[in-house]
Amino acid sequence: MTWTINNVEFTSEMIGDHIGFIYQITNLSNNRKYIGKKIFKFKKYKTVKGKRKSVHLESDWKNYFGSNDELKTDVKLLGEDNFKREILRLCDSKSELSYFESKTIFLFGCLESDEWYNSWISTRINKRNLTKVDWKNEI
């Protein structure tokens, strides 16, 4: 099962300088949905010749099906082919990821309906970390 963006399969080559993405996963059997965020790479530290070095490793984004336990249970029961995974927005910072995940959840009314797997939201965002956001190209 792959990720799509604007109905086109998303590949590693399309990541560019983006940090991560806002996504929607849809259960095709009942149309229930989930909004989340995922980073493409994470930093890990290694000791090389007595010096601590940071190494960037690709995350599990290609196989990721969200952090919601109910959604993950449904994926196991129904199979990955019964779910559609869409990238809604590519983001350039962790603050941008947090901001647009929260904003999308609120805009779509995810906490107000059982049509969504989302059941809670928690975020801290500092406005100064959003200075590079192109506000004209919002979701």
Foldseek 3Di string as FASTA:
>chain_A
DAEAEPNHGDDPVPQPLFQWFWKKKAQQVQRAIEIAIDGQWDWDWDQDPNDIDIDIDGDPVGPDDDDQPVRVVCCVVVPPVRMHMYTHDTHNDPLRRLVQSVVVCVVVVQCPDPSYSDPDHDDDHDPVVCPPDPVVPHD
